[in-house]
Amino acid sequence: MFEKHLNGYLLVVMRKWNRKEICGLLLESGEIALKHYEARSWKFKRDRSLVTAADTEIESLLAGSFDRPDESVYMIGEETVGTKGEKYISSALSETAWVVDPIDGTAPYAHHVPTWGVSIGFMRKAALEEGAVFLPATGEMFITEGEDVLFAKTETVKGRIKVSGFSGLAVRKLPFSDGGLISVSQNVVKRGLLDLRNPVQAVCCTVFSGVYLVMGRYMAYVGSVNLWDIAGILPIVFKCGFKGRLISGEEITLKVDTDLYHLSRNDPGRWRLKNQMVLAPNNGIIRRVTEKLKYHGE
């Protein structure tokens, strides 16, 4: 880890997970996001998903620390991975890489709805090891450190975000019940049917759903996601003792391989999980949800 200066930022080139430095990058990212939050403007990307000025500015900031191939440090970012060559991607999957989503939940962010966050995942040899999620609109930060998952509240004063001390996250696992709230992705709403009595909510943000799952506010999450959507949240969810499976039955692990993801160069769904996933406190809840999910594909 060493420092560089770029466009006024003091950049720390990251070769390993460092909670203090990750926290600093999340705080800077949150300040950028809140700066643009009132604009309520967006553009369409090629796939008709939304992108905002905050997405590109935050990813540029994170690239200063994470996209350093000359130092054998690589970044898989939602907004820039499509510009990388196959040699770069191969190195990212075989060496040290950071997987980032500058704004997960761009649609709610663009419409000034607080269900969005910044996500950073740390990967070595195609296996996720650590993760962090920051929800600037609610002032909640979650970060792993070894086997621990830590939580902190933040406060924003005149555009600057300050973090209070971290403490162990209070994890709560909801049992199955007909009243348990389930978070679902847009794909489930648009192309599927979840035939359960449970209330459902489509918040359009994987990391928001994941951290609220481990805090016991959701009973389960069902989503169709890309690697950058879950790279920051999966280490948090699994270190809290929760489970994950594709609806086709495969267990979700922290490995990033062709058993779970579309990774082929010419695959139009590259970086996406091969099916809908279900995250929940235990495999029993996953089974109940999966049995009642009728999904008609992309």
Protein backbone atom coordinates (compact mmCIF):
# COMPACT_ATOMS: atom_id res chain seq x y z
CA MET A 1 0.00 0.00 0.00
CA PHE A 2 1.40 3.39 -0.96
CA GLU A 3 0.12 6.88 -1.66
CA LYS A 4 -0.34 8.84 -4.88
CA HIS A 5 -1.86 12.21 -5.63
CA LEU A 6 -4.42 12.60 -8.45
CA ASN A 7 -6.86 15.45 -9.13
CA GLY A 8 -6.61 16.68 -5.57
CA TYR A 9 -7.29 13.27 -3.99
CA LEU A 10 -4.75 11.54 -1.78
CA LEU A 11 -4.96 8.04 -3.21
CA VAL A 12 -3.85 4.94 -1.40
CA VAL A 13 -3.03 2.12 -3.81
CA MET A 14 -4.52 -0.93 -2.14
CA ARG A 15 -2.98 -4.39 -2.31
CA LYS A 16 -4.81 -5.79 0.71
CA TRP A 17 -7.88 -5.16 2.86
CA ASN A 18 -7.44 -2.30 5.30
CA ARG A 19 -10.56 -1.28 7.22
CA LYS A 20 -9.41 2.27 7.88
CA GLU A 21 -8.60 2.98 4.24
CA ILE A 22 -11.75 1.27 2.94
CA CYS A 23 -13.81 3.33 5.36
CA GLY A 24 -12.15 6.51 4.08
CA LEU A 25 -12.93 5.62 0.46
CA LEU A 26 -16.54 4.83 1.35
CA LEU A 27 -16.91 8.19 3.11
CA GLU A 28 -15.51 10.06 0.10
CA SER A 29 -17.79 8.06 -2.20
CA GLY A 30 -20.77 8.89 -0.02
CA GLU A 31 -19.94 12.59 -0.13
CA ILE A 32 -19.83 12.48 -3.93
CA ALA A 33 -23.14 10.62 -4.02
CA LEU A 34 -24.88 13.08 -1.71
CA LYS A 35 -23.49 16.00 -3.73
CA HIS A 36 -25.40 14.76 -6.80
CA TYR A 37 -28.41 13.34 -4.92
CA GLU A 38 -30.69 16.34 -5.39
CA ALA A 39 -30.15 16.47 -9.16
CA ARG A 40 -32.59 13.61 -9.89
CA SER A 41 -31.11 13.16 -13.34
CA TRP A 42 -29.82 10.15 -15.26
CA LYS A 43 -28.90 8.75 -18.64
CA PHE A 44 -29.63 5.39 -20.24
CA LYS A 45 -26.85 2.88 -20.80
CA ARG A 46 -26.87 0.48 -23.72
CA ASP A 47 -28.83 -2.10 -21.71
CA ARG A 48 -31.43 0.58 -20.84
CA SER A 49 -30.39 0.65 -17.19
CA LEU A 50 -29.75 4.03 -15.61
CA VAL A 51 -26.45 5.75 -14.91
CA THR A 52 -25.83 9.03 -13.09
CA ALA A 53 -22.96 11.46 -12.65
CA ALA A 54 -22.37 9.94 -9.21
CA ASP A 55 -21.81 6.47 -10.68
CA THR A 56 -19.01 7.63 -12.96
CA GLU A 57 -17.40 10.03 -10.48
CA ILE A 58 -17.30 7.49 -7.66
CA GLU A 59 -15.95 4.74 -9.89
CA SER A 60 -13.22 7.12 -11.05
CA LEU A 61 -12.31 7.84 -7.42
CA LEU A 62 -12.16 4.13 -6.55
CA ALA A 63 -10.15 3.35 -9.68
CA GLY A 64 -7.41 5.63 -8.37
CA SER A 65 -6.79 3.15 -5.56
CA PHE A 66 -7.95 -0.12 -7.11
CA ASP A 67 -7.21 0.02 -10.86
CA ARG A 68 -3.40 -0.15 -10.75
CA PRO A 69 -2.32 -3.02 -13.04
CA ASP A 70 1.31 -1.83 -12.95
CA GLU A 71 1.22 -2.70 -9.24
CA SER A 72 -0.71 -5.97 -9.86
CA VAL A 73 -3.92 -4.46 -8.48
CA TYR A 74 -7.06 -4.76 -10.63
CA MET A 75 -10.64 -3.50 -10.48
CA ILE A 76 -13.86 -4.99 -11.79
CA GLY A 77 -16.27 -2.05 -11.77
CA GLU A 78 -19.78 -1.88 -13.14
CA GLU A 79 -19.15 1.22 -15.25
CA THR A 80 -15.67 0.38 -16.58
CA VAL A 81 -15.19 -3.40 -16.79
CA GLY A 82 -16.47 -3.35 -20.38
CA THR A 83 -13.46 -1.27 -21.40
CA LYS A 84 -10.92 -3.79 -20.09
CA GLY A 85 -9.07 -6.26 -22.31
CA GLU A 86 -9.02 -10.01 -21.78
CA LYS A 87 -5.47 -9.96 -20.40
CA TYR A 88 -6.56 -7.48 -17.71
CA ILE A 89 -9.65 -9.55 -16.85
CA SER A 90 -7.66 -12.78 -16.70
CA SER A 91 -5.22 -11.13 -14.29
CA ALA A 92 -8.08 -9.76 -12.19
CA LEU A 93 -9.51 -13.28 -11.83
CA SER A 94 -6.18 -14.91 -11.05
CA GLU A 95 -4.57 -12.26 -8.84
CA THR A 96 -5.83 -9.49 -6.50
CA ALA A 97 -8.93 -7.57 -7.57
CA TRP A 98 -11.43 -5.13 -6.15
CA VAL A 99 -15.04 -5.49 -7.29
CA VAL A 100 -16.98 -2.25 -6.96
CA ASP A 101 -20.46 -0.92 -7.54
CA PRO A 102 -20.30 2.87 -7.18
CA ILE A 103 -24.07 3.18 -6.77
CA ASP A 104 -25.97 -0.06 -6.30
CA GLY A 105 -29.58 0.97 -6.70
CA THR A 106 -29.06 3.65 -9.34
CA ALA A 107 -32.79 3.77 -10.17
CA PRO A 108 -33.91 4.69 -6.63
CA TYR A 109 -30.88 6.98 -6.25
CA ALA A 110 -31.81 8.86 -9.44
CA HIS A 111 -35.34 9.35 -8.10
CA HIS A 112 -34.20 10.42 -4.61
CA VAL A 113 -35.38 7.25 -2.87
CA PRO A 114 -32.97 6.18 -0.08
CA THR A 115 -32.59 2.48 -1.01
CA TRP A 116 -29.09 2.65 -2.55
CA GLY A 117 -25.51 2.18 -1.47
CA VAL A 118 -21.81 1.98 -2.33
CA SER A 119 -20.27 -1.49 -2.45
CA ILE A 120 -16.66 -2.72 -2.34
CA GLY A 121 -15.58 -6.36 -2.47
CA PHE A 122 -12.04 -7.74 -2.14
CA MET A 123 -11.16 -10.80 -4.21
CA ARG A 124 -8.04 -12.94 -4.48
CA LYS A 125 -7.63 -15.79 -6.95
CA ALA A 126 -11.29 -15.54 -7.95
CA ALA A 127 -12.62 -15.85 -4.40
CA LEU A 128 -14.24 -13.03 -2.46
CA GLU A 129 -12.69 -12.55 0.98
CA GLU A 130 -13.93 -9.25 2.42
CA GLY A 131 -16.76 -6.81 1.76
CA ALA A 132 -18.09 -3.40 2.70
CA VAL A 133 -21.36 -1.57 2.09
CA PHE A 134 -22.21 2.04 2.85
CA LEU A 135 -25.76 3.43 2.75
CA PRO A 136 -25.15 7.21 2.76
CA ALA A 137 -28.86 8.14 2.73
CA THR A 138 -29.49 6.21 5.95
CA GLY A 139 -26.04 6.74 7.46
CA GLU A 140 -25.25 3.02 7.93
CA MET A 141 -21.89 1.39 7.20
CA PHE A 142 -21.08 -2.32 7.25
CA ILE A 143 -17.60 -3.80 6.85
CA THR A 144 -15.95 -7.15 7.40
CA GLU A 145 -12.65 -7.69 9.17
CA GLY A 146 -11.58 -11.30 9.18
CA GLU A 147 -14.52 -13.29 10.50
CA ASP A 148 -16.15 -10.24 12.10
CA VAL A 149 -18.82 -7.97 10.62
CA LEU A 150 -18.71 -4.43 11.98
CA PHE A 151 -21.31 -1.66 11.92
CA ALA A 152 -21.16 2.12 12.34
CA LYS A 153 -23.53 5.06 12.08
CA THR A 154 -22.47 8.16 10.21
CA GLU A 155 -23.42 11.81 10.41
CA THR A 156 -23.38 14.33 7.56
CA VAL A 157 -22.61 17.96 8.35
CA LYS A 158 -22.28 20.53 5.55
CA GLY A 159 -21.55 17.85 2.99
CA ARG A 160 -18.87 16.06 5.04
CA ILE A 161 -19.58 12.62 6.45
CA LYS A 162 -18.16 11.57 9.80
CA VAL A 163 -18.23 8.03 11.15
CA SER A 164 -18.68 7.04 14.77
CA GLY A 165 -16.84 4.09 16.26
CA PHE A 166 -17.45 0.62 14.86
CA SER A 167 -19.04 -2.16 16.87
CA GLY A 168 -20.02 -5.73 16.14
CA LEU A 169 -23.14 -5.94 13.98
CA ALA A 170 -26.23 -7.10 15.86
CA VAL A 171 -27.31 -9.99 13.60
CA ARG A 172 -30.90 -11.20 13.68
CA LYS A 173 -32.22 -14.23 11.79
CA LEU A 174 -35.94 -14.21 11.17
CA PRO A 175 -37.74 -17.58 11.25
CA PHE A 176 -40.07 -18.48 8.42
CA SER A 177 -43.55 -17.00 8.76
CA ASP A 178 -46.30 -15.86 6.41
CA GLY A 179 -45.73 -12.32 7.66
CA GLY A 180 -41.99 -12.19 6.96
CA LEU A 181 -41.10 -9.47 4.45
CA ILE A 182 -39.25 -10.66 1.32
CA SER A 183 -37.20 -8.32 -0.85
CA VAL A 184 -37.29 -9.18 -4.56
CA SER A 185 -35.47 -7.85 -7.61
CA GLN A 186 -37.10 -6.14 -10.56
CA ASN A 187 -36.69 -9.34 -12.60
CA VAL A 188 -38.96 -11.23 -10.24
CA VAL A 189 -41.58 -8.49 -10.49
CA LYS A 190 -41.36 -8.25 -14.27
CA ARG A 191 -40.80 -11.88 -15.26
CA GLY A 192 -41.88 -14.06 -12.38
CA LEU A 193 -44.37 -14.89 -9.68
CA LEU A 194 -43.65 -15.53 -6.02
CA ASP A 195 -46.69 -17.50 -4.93
CA LEU A 196 -46.39 -16.99 -1.17
CA ARG A 197 -48.64 -15.21 1.33
CA ASN A 198 -45.71 -13.07 2.41
CA PRO A 199 -45.51 -9.33 1.77
CA VAL A 200 -42.86 -8.49 -0.83
CA GLN A 201 -40.92 -5.34 -1.63
CA ALA A 202 -38.84 -4.47 -4.70
CA VAL A 203 -36.33 -1.88 -3.51
CA CYS A 204 -34.08 -2.19 -6.61
CA CYS A 205 -30.89 -2.51 -4.53
CA THR A 206 -29.07 -5.73 -3.67
CA VAL A 207 -26.79 -4.30 -0.97
CA PHE A 208 -29.67 -2.57 0.82
CA SER A 209 -31.60 -5.85 0.77
CA GLY A 210 -28.58 -7.82 1.98
CA VAL A 211 -27.70 -5.70 5.00
CA TYR A 212 -31.34 -5.40 6.02
CA LEU A 213 -31.61 -9.17 5.70
CA VAL A 214 -28.83 -9.77 8.25
CA MET A 215 -30.37 -7.18 10.59
CA GLY A 216 -33.64 -9.14 10.59
CA ARG A 217 -35.76 -6.68 8.63
CA TYR A 218 -36.17 -8.97 5.62
CA MET A 219 -36.81 -12.70 5.88
CA ALA A 220 -35.26 -13.42 2.47
CA TYR A 221 -33.96 -11.77 -0.68
CA VAL A 222 -34.56 -13.01 -4.23
CA GLY A 223 -32.50 -11.41 -6.98
CA SER A 224 -31.00 -11.69 -10.45
CA VAL A 225 -27.62 -10.01 -10.06
CA ASN A 226 -24.17 -9.31 -11.46
CA LEU A 227 -20.89 -9.91 -9.64
CA TRP A 228 -20.51 -6.24 -8.66
CA ASP A 229 -24.01 -6.23 -7.14
CA ILE A 230 -23.05 -8.89 -4.60
CA ALA A 231 -19.25 -8.69 -4.20
CA GLY A 232 -19.50 -6.35 -1.22
CA ILE A 233 -22.53 -7.95 0.39
CA LEU A 234 -21.82 -11.71 0.09
CA PRO A 235 -18.89 -11.71 2.56
CA ILE A 236 -21.11 -9.82 5.02
CA VAL A 237 -24.08 -12.17 4.58
CA PHE A 238 -22.05 -15.38 4.84
CA LYS A 239 -19.94 -14.21 7.79
CA CYS A 240 -23.23 -13.49 9.57
CA GLY A 241 -24.16 -17.16 9.11
CA PHE A 242 -26.74 -16.78 6.32
CA LYS A 243 -27.09 -19.06 3.29
CA GLY A 244 -27.47 -18.58 -0.45
CA ARG A 245 -28.53 -20.76 -3.39
CA LEU A 246 -29.52 -20.38 -6.99
CA ILE A 247 -33.11 -21.42 -7.67
CA SER A 248 -31.64 -24.20 -9.82
CA GLY A 249 -30.13 -25.66 -6.63
CA GLU A 250 -26.45 -24.70 -6.70
CA GLU A 251 -25.04 -23.42 -3.41
CA ILE A 252 -23.66 -19.89 -3.64
CA THR A 253 -20.15 -19.56 -2.27
CA LEU A 254 -17.54 -16.82 -2.32
CA LYS A 255 -15.89 -18.40 -5.38
CA VAL A 256 -16.24 -16.56 -8.68
CA ASP A 257 -16.24 -19.34 -11.27
CA THR A 258 -18.17 -20.71 -14.22
CA ASP A 259 -20.25 -22.97 -11.98
CA LEU A 260 -22.15 -19.90 -10.76
CA TYR A 261 -21.39 -17.01 -13.13
CA HIS A 262 -21.45 -16.28 -16.84
CA LEU A 263 -17.79 -15.44 -17.41
CA SER A 264 -17.20 -16.23 -21.09
CA ARG A 265 -15.84 -13.42 -23.22
CA ASN A 266 -18.69 -13.39 -25.77
CA ASP A 267 -21.53 -14.15 -23.35
CA PRO A 268 -24.02 -11.23 -23.41
CA GLY A 269 -24.74 -11.93 -19.74
CA ARG A 270 -21.11 -11.86 -18.70
CA TRP A 271 -20.59 -11.35 -14.93
CA ARG A 272 -24.19 -12.33 -14.12
CA LEU A 273 -25.17 -15.22 -11.86
CA LYS A 274 -26.53 -18.10 -13.92
CA ASN A 275 -29.96 -17.96 -12.28
CA GLN A 276 -31.99 -16.13 -9.67
CA MET A 277 -30.47 -16.40 -6.21
CA VAL A 278 -32.14 -16.62 -2.81
CA LEU A 279 -30.42 -15.39 0.36
CA ALA A 280 -31.97 -16.29 3.71
CA PRO A 281 -31.10 -17.29 7.29
CA ASN A 282 -31.20 -20.99 6.45
CA ASN A 283 -31.69 -23.51 3.66
CA GLY A 284 -35.21 -24.31 4.86
CA ILE A 285 -36.42 -20.80 4.06
CA ILE A 286 -34.54 -20.88 0.76
CA ARG A 287 -36.32 -24.12 -0.16
CA ARG A 288 -39.77 -22.73 0.73
CA VAL A 289 -39.18 -19.58 -1.33
CA THR A 290 -37.69 -21.46 -4.29
CA GLU A 291 -40.60 -23.90 -4.43
CA LYS A 292 -43.03 -21.00 -4.79
CA LEU A 293 -41.03 -18.96 -7.31
CA LYS A 294 -42.12 -19.23 -10.93
CA TYR A 295 -39.56 -17.44 -13.05
CA HIS A 296 -39.79 -17.02 -16.83
CA GLY A 297 -36.19 -15.97 -17.56
CA GLU A 298 -34.64 -12.86 -19.01
